[in-house]
Amino acid sequence: MTDELMRRCEHAVHLITESGEVLRAGRATLYVLSSLPRLAWLRVFLYPPLVWAAEGVYWLVARSRGVIGRFVSLPDSAE
């Protein structure tokens, strides 16, 4: 991993597809979620103008992680 990629990953999730395309933020999230059988319908959001809405939602959630984390509690993992 290059230093530049490491800096970019601090701000948004990144995904490299089998074809070598680099997806980040909302597009990467949609790509992963739409690969699940029950969520395959999300593929429609990978195309404009719906992808812009998905990017907006990703941006809002990413910047609100602290607030969201206060309301969502996950069980501690057993070690």
PDB file of N, CA and C in Angstrom:
ATOM      1  N   MET A   1       0.853  -1.169   0.000  1.00  0.00           N
ATOM      2  CA  MET A   1       0.000   0.000   0.000  1.00  0.00           C
ATOM      3  C   MET A   1       0.902   1.236   0.000  1.00  0.00           C
ATOM      4  N   THR A   2       0.599   2.144  -0.886  1.00  0.00           N
ATOM      5  CA  THR A   2       1.389   3.367  -0.959  1.00  0.00           C
ATOM      6  C   THR A   2       0.946   4.345   0.121  1.00  0.00           C
ATOM      7  N   ASP A   3       1.784   5.312   0.425  1.00  0.00           N
ATOM      8  CA  ASP A   3       1.433   6.328   1.414  1.00  0.00           C
ATOM      9  C   ASP A   3       0.198   7.112   0.983  1.00  0.00           C
ATOM     10  N   GLU A   4       0.118   7.420  -0.310  1.00  0.00           N
ATOM     11  CA  GLU A   4      -1.030   8.164  -0.838  1.00  0.00           C
ATOM     12  C   GLU A   4      -2.323   7.389  -0.637  1.00  0.00           C
ATOM     13  N   LEU A   5      -2.316   6.092  -0.952  1.00  0.00           N
ATOM     14  CA  LEU A   5      -3.505   5.266  -0.768  1.00  0.00           C
ATOM     15  C   LEU A   5      -3.863   5.161   0.702  1.00  0.00           C
ATOM     16  N   MET A   6      -2.878   5.068   1.570  1.00  0.00           N
ATOM     17  CA  MET A   6      -3.143   4.993   3.003  1.00  0.00           C
ATOM     18  C   MET A   6      -3.847   6.259   3.481  1.00  0.00           C
ATOM     19  N   ARG A   7      -3.395   7.417   3.003  1.00  0.00           N
ATOM     20  CA  ARG A   7      -4.055   8.679   3.370  1.00  0.00           C
ATOM     21  C   ARG A   7      -5.488   8.714   2.861  1.00  0.00           C
ATOM     22  N   ARG A   8      -5.692   8.246   1.650  1.00  0.00           N
ATOM     23  CA  ARG A   8      -7.045   8.238   1.089  1.00  0.00           C
ATOM     24  C   ARG A   8      -7.969   7.296   1.855  1.00  0.00           C
ATOM     25  N   CYS A   9      -7.438   6.170   2.301  1.00  0.00           N
ATOM     26  CA  CYS A   9      -8.238   5.188   3.028  1.00  0.00           C
ATOM     27  C   CYS A   9      -8.660   5.689   4.407  1.00  0.00           C
ATOM     28  N   GLU A  10      -7.990   6.698   4.919  1.00  0.00           N
ATOM     29  CA  GLU A  10      -8.393   7.279   6.198  1.00  0.00           C
ATOM     30  C   GLU A  10      -9.712   8.018   6.074  1.00  0.00           C
ATOM     31  N   HIS A  11     -10.085   8.401   4.853  1.00  0.00           N
ATOM     32  CA  HIS A  11     -11.289   9.202   4.636  1.00  0.00           C
ATOM     33  C   HIS A  11     -12.442   8.427   4.017  1.00  0.00           C
ATOM     34  N   ALA A  12     -12.155   7.348   3.328  1.00  0.00           N
ATOM     35  CA  ALA A  12     -13.221   6.571   2.681  1.00  0.00           C
ATOM     36  C   ALA A  12     -12.722   5.162   2.400  1.00  0.00           C
ATOM     37  N   VAL A  13     -13.654   4.223   2.413  1.00  0.00           N
ATOM     38  CA  VAL A  13     -13.329   2.848   2.082  1.00  0.00           C
ATOM     39  C   VAL A  13     -12.967   2.773   0.599  1.00  0.00           C
ATOM     40  N   HIS A  14     -12.004   1.928   0.263  1.00  0.00           N
ATOM     41  CA  HIS A  14     -11.574   1.719  -1.120  1.00  0.00           C
ATOM     42  C   HIS A  14     -11.685   0.237  -1.466  1.00  0.00           C
ATOM     43  N   LEU A  15     -11.997  -0.034  -2.726  1.00  0.00           N
ATOM     44  CA  LEU A  15     -12.143  -1.403  -3.197  1.00  0.00           C
ATOM     45  C   LEU A  15     -11.546  -1.492  -4.592  1.00  0.00           C
ATOM     46  N   ILE A  16     -10.769  -2.527  -4.830  1.00  0.00           N
ATOM     47  CA  ILE A  16     -10.224  -2.776  -6.163  1.00  0.00           C
ATOM     48  C   ILE A  16     -10.942  -3.998  -6.709  1.00  0.00           C
ATOM     49  N   THR A  17     -11.640  -3.825  -7.823  1.00  0.00           N
ATOM     50  CA  THR A  17     -12.406  -4.917  -8.421  1.00  0.00           C
ATOM     51  C   THR A  17     -11.482  -5.895  -9.136  1.00  0.00           C
ATOM     52  N   GLU A  18     -12.029  -7.018  -9.551  1.00  0.00           N
ATOM     53  CA  GLU A  18     -11.240  -8.024 -10.272  1.00  0.00           C
ATOM     54  C   GLU A  18     -10.654  -7.465 -11.561  1.00  0.00           C
ATOM     55  N   SER A  19     -11.344  -6.493 -12.161  1.00  0.00           N
ATOM     56  CA  SER A  19     -10.858  -5.896 -13.407  1.00  0.00           C
ATOM     57  C   SER A  19      -9.843  -4.791 -13.161  1.00  0.00           C
ATOM     58  N   GLY A  20      -9.576  -4.484 -11.887  1.00  0.00           N
ATOM     59  CA  GLY A  20      -8.585  -3.475 -11.543  1.00  0.00           C
ATOM     60  C   GLY A  20      -9.146  -2.082 -11.326  1.00  0.00           C
ATOM     61  N   GLU A  21     -10.466  -1.928 -11.441  1.00  0.00           N
ATOM     62  CA  GLU A  21     -11.096  -0.627 -11.213  1.00  0.00           C
ATOM     63  C   GLU A  21     -11.090  -0.316  -9.716  1.00  0.00           C
ATOM     64  N   VAL A  22     -10.749   0.909  -9.357  1.00  0.00           N
ATOM     65  CA  VAL A  22     -10.731   1.327  -7.963  1.00  0.00           C
ATOM     66  C   VAL A  22     -12.029   2.073  -7.662  1.00  0.00           C
ATOM     67  N   LEU A  23     -12.776   1.553  -6.705  1.00  0.00           N
ATOM     68  CA  LEU A  23     -14.015   2.191  -6.260  1.00  0.00           C
ATOM     69  C   LEU A  23     -13.798   2.699  -4.844  1.00  0.00           C
ATOM     70  N   ARG A  24     -14.415   3.824  -4.520  1.00  0.00           N
ATOM     71  CA  ARG A  24     -14.269   4.348  -3.176  1.00  0.00           C
ATOM     72  C   ARG A  24     -15.602   4.845  -2.658  1.00  0.00           C
ATOM     73  N   ALA A  25     -15.679   4.992  -1.362  1.00  0.00           N
ATOM     74  CA  ALA A  25     -16.831   5.568  -0.673  1.00  0.00           C
ATOM     75  C   ALA A  25     -18.126   4.826  -1.013  1.00  0.00           C
ATOM     76  N   GLY A  26     -19.147   5.564  -1.426  1.00  0.00           N
ATOM     77  CA  GLY A  26     -20.456   4.977  -1.698  1.00  0.00           C
ATOM     78  C   GLY A  26     -20.446   3.942  -2.795  1.00  0.00           C
ATOM     79  N   ARG A  27     -19.662   4.170  -3.842  1.00  0.00           N
ATOM     80  CA  ARG A  27     -19.604   3.208  -4.951  1.00  0.00           C
ATOM     81  C   ARG A  27     -19.026   1.873  -4.475  1.00  0.00           C
ATOM     82  N   ALA A  28     -18.003   1.910  -3.636  1.00  0.00           N
ATOM     83  CA  ALA A  28     -17.409   0.676  -3.105  1.00  0.00           C
ATOM     84  C   ALA A  28     -18.403  -0.045  -2.207  1.00  0.00           C
ATOM     85  N   THR A  29     -19.100   0.700  -1.378  1.00  0.00           N
ATOM     86  CA  THR A  29     -20.092   0.101  -0.490  1.00  0.00           C
ATOM     87  C   THR A  29     -21.212  -0.547  -1.280  1.00  0.00           C
ATOM     88  N   LEU A  30     -21.713   0.157  -2.293  1.00  0.00           N
ATOM     89  CA  LEU A  30     -22.769  -0.405  -3.139  1.00  0.00           C
ATOM     90  C   LEU A  30     -22.301  -1.654  -3.868  1.00  0.00           C
ATOM     91  N   TYR A  31     -21.083  -1.647  -4.348  1.00  0.00           N
ATOM     92  CA  TYR A  31     -20.537  -2.786  -5.072  1.00  0.00           C
ATOM     93  C   TYR A  31     -20.539  -4.031  -4.174  1.00  0.00           C
ATOM     94  N   VAL A  32     -20.090  -3.871  -2.947  1.00  0.00           N
ATOM     95  CA  VAL A  32     -20.036  -5.002  -2.017  1.00  0.00           C
ATOM     96  C   VAL A  32     -21.443  -5.460  -1.647  1.00  0.00           C
ATOM     97  N   LEU A  33     -22.300  -4.512  -1.270  1.00  0.00           N
ATOM     98  CA  LEU A  33     -23.657  -4.887  -0.855  1.00  0.00           C
ATOM     99  C   LEU A  33     -24.442  -5.527  -1.993  1.00  0.00           C
ATOM    100  N   SER A  34     -24.280  -5.014  -3.211  1.00  0.00           N
ATOM    101  CA  SER A  34     -25.042  -5.562  -4.335  1.00  0.00           C
ATOM    102  C   SER A  34     -24.533  -6.934  -4.772  1.00  0.00           C
ATOM    103  N   SER A  35     -23.389  -7.350  -4.266  1.00  0.00           N
ATOM    104  CA  SER A  35     -22.902  -8.692  -4.588  1.00  0.00           C
ATOM    105  C   SER A  35     -23.556  -9.762  -3.705  1.00  0.00           C
ATOM    106  N   LEU A  36     -24.263  -9.321  -2.670  1.00  0.00           N
ATOM    107  CA  LEU A  36     -24.996 -10.263  -1.819  1.00  0.00           C
ATOM    108  C   LEU A  36     -26.329 -10.594  -2.493  1.00  0.00           C
ATOM    109  N   PRO A  37     -26.702 -11.867  -2.541  1.00  0.00           N
ATOM    110  CA  PRO A  37     -27.911 -12.268  -3.275  1.00  0.00           C
ATOM    111  C   PRO A  37     -29.173 -11.479  -2.908  1.00  0.00           C
ATOM    112  N   ARG A  38     -29.409 -11.260  -1.640  1.00  0.00           N
ATOM    113  CA  ARG A  38     -30.631 -10.556  -1.225  1.00  0.00           C
ATOM    114  C   ARG A  38     -30.586  -9.061  -1.508  1.00  0.00           C
ATOM    115  N   LEU A  39     -29.403  -8.534  -1.748  1.00  0.00           N
ATOM    116  CA  LEU A  39     -29.267  -7.101  -1.999  1.00  0.00           C
ATOM    117  C   LEU A  39     -28.852  -6.791  -3.433  1.00  0.00           C
ATOM    118  N   ALA A  40     -28.994  -7.756  -4.307  1.00  0.00           N
ATOM    119  CA  ALA A  40     -28.605  -7.564  -5.710  1.00  0.00           C
ATOM    120  C   ALA A  40     -29.360  -6.418  -6.359  1.00  0.00           C
ATOM    121  N   TRP A  41     -30.553  -6.119  -5.880  1.00  0.00           N
ATOM    122  CA  TRP A  41     -31.345  -5.018  -6.432  1.00  0.00           C
ATOM    123  C   TRP A  41     -30.657  -3.666  -6.256  1.00  0.00           C
ATOM    124  N   LEU A  42     -29.680  -3.578  -5.350  1.00  0.00           N
ATOM    125  CA  LEU A  42     -28.961  -2.320  -5.140  1.00  0.00           C
ATOM    126  C   LEU A  42     -28.085  -1.932  -6.330  1.00  0.00           C
ATOM    127  N   ARG A  43     -27.878  -2.864  -7.251  1.00  0.00           N
ATOM    128  CA  ARG A  43     -27.055  -2.563  -8.428  1.00  0.00           C
ATOM    129  C   ARG A  43     -27.582  -1.370  -9.205  1.00  0.00           C
ATOM    130  N   VAL A  44     -28.879  -1.147  -9.138  1.00  0.00           N
ATOM    131  CA  VAL A  44     -29.468  -0.012  -9.849  1.00  0.00           C
ATOM    132  C   VAL A  44     -28.879   1.310  -9.355  1.00  0.00           C
ATOM    133  N   PHE A  45     -28.416   1.350  -8.101  1.00  0.00           N
ATOM    134  CA  PHE A  45     -27.837   2.565  -7.523  1.00  0.00           C
ATOM    135  C   PHE A  45     -26.394   2.810  -7.973  1.00  0.00           C
ATOM    136  N   LEU A  46     -25.824   1.901  -8.744  1.00  0.00           N
ATOM    137  CA  LEU A  46     -24.457   2.081  -9.235  1.00  0.00           C
ATOM    138  C   LEU A  46     -24.387   3.003 -10.450  1.00  0.00           C
ATOM    139  N   TYR A  47     -25.525   3.443 -10.942  1.00  0.00           N
ATOM    140  CA  TYR A  47     -25.577   4.273 -12.149  1.00  0.00           C
ATOM    141  C   TYR A  47     -26.172   5.649 -11.842  1.00  0.00           C
ATOM    142  N   PRO A  48     -25.663   6.679 -12.546  1.00  0.00           N
ATOM    143  CA  PRO A  48     -26.212   8.035 -12.354  1.00  0.00           C
ATOM    144  C   PRO A  48     -27.682   8.064 -12.752  1.00  0.00           C
ATOM    145  N   PRO A  49     -28.470   8.854 -12.099  1.00  0.00           N
ATOM    146  CA  PRO A  49     -28.167   9.789 -11.021  1.00  0.00           C
ATOM    147  C   PRO A  49     -28.263   9.155  -9.631  1.00  0.00           C
ATOM    148  N   LEU A  50     -28.676   7.883  -9.564  1.00  0.00           N
ATOM    149  CA  LEU A  50     -28.850   7.244  -8.254  1.00  0.00           C
ATOM    150  C   LEU A  50     -27.540   7.099  -7.491  1.00  0.00           C
ATOM    151  N   VAL A  51     -26.430   6.914  -8.180  1.00  0.00           N
ATOM    152  CA  VAL A  51     -25.141   6.769  -7.510  1.00  0.00           C
ATOM    153  C   VAL A  51     -24.782   8.059  -6.772  1.00  0.00           C
ATOM    154  N   TRP A  52     -25.238   9.193  -7.295  1.00  0.00           N
ATOM    155  CA  TRP A  52     -24.951  10.462  -6.617  1.00  0.00           C
ATOM    156  C   TRP A  52     -25.675  10.525  -5.272  1.00  0.00           C
ATOM    157  N   ALA A  53     -26.884   9.987  -5.238  1.00  0.00           N
ATOM    158  CA  ALA A  53     -27.625   9.930  -3.975  1.00  0.00           C
ATOM    159  C   ALA A  53     -26.920   8.997  -2.992  1.00  0.00           C
ATOM    160  N   ALA A  54     -26.434   7.864  -3.496  1.00  0.00           N
ATOM    161  CA  ALA A  54     -25.711   6.914  -2.638  1.00  0.00           C
ATOM    162  C   ALA A  54     -24.442   7.546  -2.081  1.00  0.00           C
ATOM    163  N   GLU A  55     -23.735   8.317  -2.907  1.00  0.00           N
ATOM    164  CA  GLU A  55     -22.533   9.005  -2.432  1.00  0.00           C
ATOM    165  C   GLU A  55     -22.894  10.015  -1.343  1.00  0.00           C
ATOM    166  N   GLY A  56     -24.019  10.696  -1.509  1.00  0.00           N
ATOM    167  CA  GLY A  56     -24.467  11.658  -0.502  1.00  0.00           C
ATOM    168  C   GLY A  56     -24.783  10.995   0.825  1.00  0.00           C
ATOM    169  N   VAL A  57     -25.459   9.851   0.762  1.00  0.00           N
ATOM    170  CA  VAL A  57     -25.769   9.103   1.986  1.00  0.00           C
ATOM    171  C   VAL A  57     -24.481   8.625   2.644  1.00  0.00           C
ATOM    172  N   TYR A  58     -23.540   8.107   1.848  1.00  0.00           N
ATOM    173  CA  TYR A  58     -22.257   7.669   2.396  1.00  0.00           C
ATOM    174  C   TYR A  58     -21.568   8.832   3.102  1.00  0.00           C
ATOM    175  N   TRP A  59     -21.550   9.995   2.456  1.00  0.00           N
ATOM    176  CA  TRP A  59     -20.901  11.181   3.022  1.00  0.00           C
ATOM    177  C   TRP A  59     -21.528  11.558   4.367  1.00  0.00           C
ATOM    178  N   LEU A  60     -22.864  11.555   4.440  1.00  0.00           N
ATOM    179  CA  LEU A  60     -23.547  11.902   5.690  1.00  0.00           C
ATOM    180  C   LEU A  60     -23.238  10.898   6.798  1.00  0.00           C
ATOM    181  N   VAL A  61     -23.286   9.619   6.466  1.00  0.00           N
ATOM    182  CA  VAL A  61     -23.020   8.581   7.472  1.00  0.00           C
ATOM    183  C   VAL A  61     -21.564   8.642   7.929  1.00  0.00           C
ATOM    184  N   ALA A  62     -20.639   8.810   6.983  1.00  0.00           N
ATOM    185  CA  ALA A  62     -19.221   8.840   7.335  1.00  0.00           C
ATOM    186  C   ALA A  62     -18.906  10.007   8.270  1.00  0.00           C
ATOM    187  N   ARG A  63     -19.537  11.132   8.053  1.00  0.00           N
ATOM    188  CA  ARG A  63     -19.267  12.300   8.889  1.00  0.00           C
ATOM    189  C   ARG A  63     -20.050  12.294  10.188  1.00  0.00           C
ATOM    190  N   SER A  64     -20.967  11.359  10.326  1.00  0.00           N
ATOM    191  CA  SER A  64     -21.782  11.265  11.537  1.00  0.00           C
ATOM    192  C   SER A  64     -21.477  10.005  12.332  1.00  0.00           C
ATOM    193  N   ARG A  65     -20.342   9.378  12.064  1.00  0.00           N
ATOM    194  CA  ARG A  65     -20.021   8.115  12.749  1.00  0.00           C
ATOM    195  C   ARG A  65     -20.055   8.239  14.260  1.00  0.00           C
ATOM    196  N   GLY A  66     -19.542   9.339  14.788  1.00  0.00           N
ATOM    197  CA  GLY A  66     -19.524   9.513  16.239  1.00  0.00           C
ATOM    198  C   GLY A  66     -20.922   9.550  16.826  1.00  0.00           C
ATOM    199  N   VAL A  67     -21.803  10.282  16.208  1.00  0.00           N
ATOM    200  CA  VAL A  67     -23.186  10.392  16.674  1.00  0.00           C
ATOM    201  C   VAL A  67     -23.903   9.062  16.512  1.00  0.00           C
ATOM    202  N   ILE A  68     -23.736   8.443  15.361  1.00  0.00           N
ATOM    203  CA  ILE A  68     -24.389   7.153  15.104  1.00  0.00           C
ATOM    204  C   ILE A  68     -23.879   6.106  16.080  1.00  0.00           C
ATOM    205  N   GLY A  69     -22.593   6.132  16.380  1.00  0.00           N
ATOM    206  CA  GLY A  69     -21.997   5.168  17.305  1.00  0.00           C
ATOM    207  C   GLY A  69     -22.574   5.234  18.704  1.00  0.00           C
ATOM    208  N   ARG A  70     -23.056   6.407  19.100  1.00  0.00           N
ATOM    209  CA  ARG A  70     -23.666   6.529  20.432  1.00  0.00           C
ATOM    210  C   ARG A  70     -25.001   5.807  20.518  1.00  0.00           C
ATOM    211  N   PHE A  71     -25.687   5.670  19.383  1.00  0.00           N
ATOM    212  CA  PHE A  71     -27.011   5.061  19.374  1.00  0.00           C
ATOM    213  C   PHE A  71     -26.986   3.592  18.986  1.00  0.00           C
ATOM    214  N   VAL A  72     -25.925   3.157  18.344  1.00  0.00           N
ATOM    215  CA  VAL A  72     -25.814   1.773  17.910  1.00  0.00           C
ATOM    216  C   VAL A  72     -24.746   1.097  18.761  1.00  0.00           C
ATOM    217  N   SER A  73     -25.143   0.064  19.470  1.00  0.00           N
ATOM    218  CA  SER A  73     -24.155  -0.644  20.284  1.00  0.00           C
ATOM    219  C   SER A  73     -24.016  -2.061  19.743  1.00  0.00           C
ATOM    220  N   LEU A  74     -22.787  -2.450  19.548  1.00  0.00           N
ATOM    221  CA  LEU A  74     -22.500  -3.806  19.087  1.00  0.00           C
ATOM    222  C   LEU A  74     -21.929  -4.607  20.231  1.00  0.00           C
ATOM    223  N   PRO A  75     -22.260  -5.885  20.312  1.00  0.00           N
ATOM    224  CA  PRO A  75     -21.720  -6.709  21.394  1.00  0.00           C
ATOM    225  C   PRO A  75     -20.204  -6.844  21.264  1.00  0.00           C
ATOM    226  N   ASP A  76     -19.544  -6.905  22.389  1.00  0.00           N
ATOM    227  CA  ASP A  76     -18.087  -7.105  22.381  1.00  0.00           C
ATOM    228  C   ASP A  76     -17.780  -8.470  21.799  1.00  0.00           C
ATOM    229  N   SER A  77     -16.728  -8.530  21.017  1.00  0.00           N
ATOM    230  CA  SER A  77     -16.348  -9.820  20.434  1.00  0.00           C
ATOM    231  C   SER A  77     -15.617 -10.649  21.485  1.00  0.00           C
ATOM    232  N   ALA A  78     -15.878 -11.932  21.487  1.00  0.00           N
ATOM    233  CA  ALA A  78     -15.208 -12.840  22.413  1.00  0.00           C
ATOM    234  C   ALA A  78     -13.807 -13.127  21.889  1.00  0.00           C
ATOM    235  N   GLU A  79     -12.861 -13.066  22.771  1.00  0.00           N
ATOM    236  CA  GLU A  79     -11.473 -13.324  22.373  1.00  0.00           C
ATOM    237  C   GLU A  79     -11.032 -14.689  22.803  1.00  0.00           C
TER     238      GLU A  79
END
